[in-house]
Protein backbone atom coordinates (compact mmCIF):
# COMPACT_ATOMS: atom_id res chain seq x y z
CA MET A 1 117.10 250.43 -112.54
CA GLU A 2 117.20 248.59 -109.28
CA GLU A 3 118.40 251.98 -107.53
CA LEU A 4 115.81 253.99 -109.68
CA VAL A 5 112.84 251.87 -108.67
CA ARG A 6 114.35 251.84 -104.68
CA TYR A 7 114.46 255.51 -104.73
CA MET A 8 111.23 255.96 -106.16
CA ALA A 9 109.37 253.79 -103.61
CA ALA A 10 111.60 254.91 -100.43
CA THR A 11 110.44 258.63 -101.10
CA LEU A 12 106.72 257.39 -100.88
CA VAL A 13 106.84 255.07 -97.92
CA ASP A 14 106.86 255.27 -93.96
CA HIS A 15 109.32 252.91 -93.75
CA PRO A 16 112.08 252.86 -96.44
CA ASP A 17 114.16 250.55 -94.60
CA GLN A 18 111.88 247.65 -95.52
CA VAL A 19 112.11 248.36 -99.28
CA GLN A 20 113.32 245.54 -101.49
CA VAL A 21 114.43 245.72 -104.84
CA LYS A 22 115.34 242.38 -106.95
CA THR A 23 116.01 241.89 -110.45
CA VAL A 24 114.84 238.61 -112.13
CA GLU A 25 116.43 238.22 -115.95
CA GLY A 26 114.79 235.92 -118.19
CA PRO A 27 115.19 234.88 -121.66
CA GLU A 28 112.97 237.46 -123.21
CA SER A 29 112.45 239.93 -120.42
CA VAL A 30 113.50 241.45 -117.10
CA ILE A 31 111.26 242.00 -114.13
CA ILE A 32 112.16 244.15 -111.42
CA GLU A 33 110.32 242.86 -108.15
CA LEU A 34 109.56 245.69 -105.32
CA SER A 35 108.48 245.00 -102.19
CA VAL A 36 107.55 247.18 -99.46
CA GLY A 37 106.31 246.84 -95.94
CA ALA A 38 102.47 245.51 -95.31
CA ASP A 39 101.47 249.00 -94.23
CA ASP A 40 103.34 250.94 -96.92
CA MET A 41 101.66 248.55 -99.95
CA GLY A 42 98.56 251.28 -100.75
CA LYS A 43 101.35 254.48 -100.71
CA VAL A 44 103.29 252.76 -103.86
CA ILE A 45 99.80 251.40 -105.46
CA GLY A 46 97.98 254.63 -104.99
CA LYS A 47 94.52 255.38 -105.79
CA GLN A 48 93.24 253.13 -108.70
CA GLY A 49 96.64 252.44 -109.48
CA ARG A 50 98.08 255.46 -110.09
CA ILE A 51 101.28 255.57 -108.75
CA ALA A 52 102.09 252.09 -109.84
CA LYS A 53 101.42 252.98 -113.50
CA SER A 54 103.65 256.06 -112.99
CA ILE A 55 106.54 253.94 -111.27
CA ARG A 56 106.11 251.56 -114.37
CA ALA A 57 105.77 254.34 -117.05
CA VAL A 58 109.09 255.96 -115.45
CA VAL A 59 110.88 252.76 -115.71
CA LYS A 60 109.83 251.87 -119.57
CA ALA A 61 111.00 255.03 -120.42
CA ALA A 62 114.33 254.78 -118.84
CA THR A 63 114.84 251.17 -120.74
CA ALA A 64 113.12 252.07 -123.81
CA HIS A 65 116.84 251.57 -125.75
CA ASN A 66 117.32 248.39 -124.06
CA GLU A 67 116.95 244.90 -125.91
CA LYS A 68 114.56 243.27 -123.60
CA PRO A 69 111.72 245.07 -122.10
CA VAL A 70 111.55 245.51 -118.44
CA PHE A 71 108.59 245.02 -116.52
CA VAL A 72 108.15 246.09 -112.42
CA GLU A 73 106.37 243.86 -110.47
CA ILE A 74 104.67 245.00 -106.81
CA LEU A 75 104.71 242.02 -104.30
């Protein structure tokens, strides 16, 4: 999942070298933390959060059969 999120974010931003993705696995869920450069934050979030919602929807669909739910946090 990290590679999928990294690929989606890198295609959206101007500085793909600043994209960092980290997975934190908890007892009941998995959290994928996405961080980008300060100038690119708006491009990843989008107007009214539409792009962020789309990224979360793709990850949710890709992990539908996992035992633990997977969430994406944009830092």
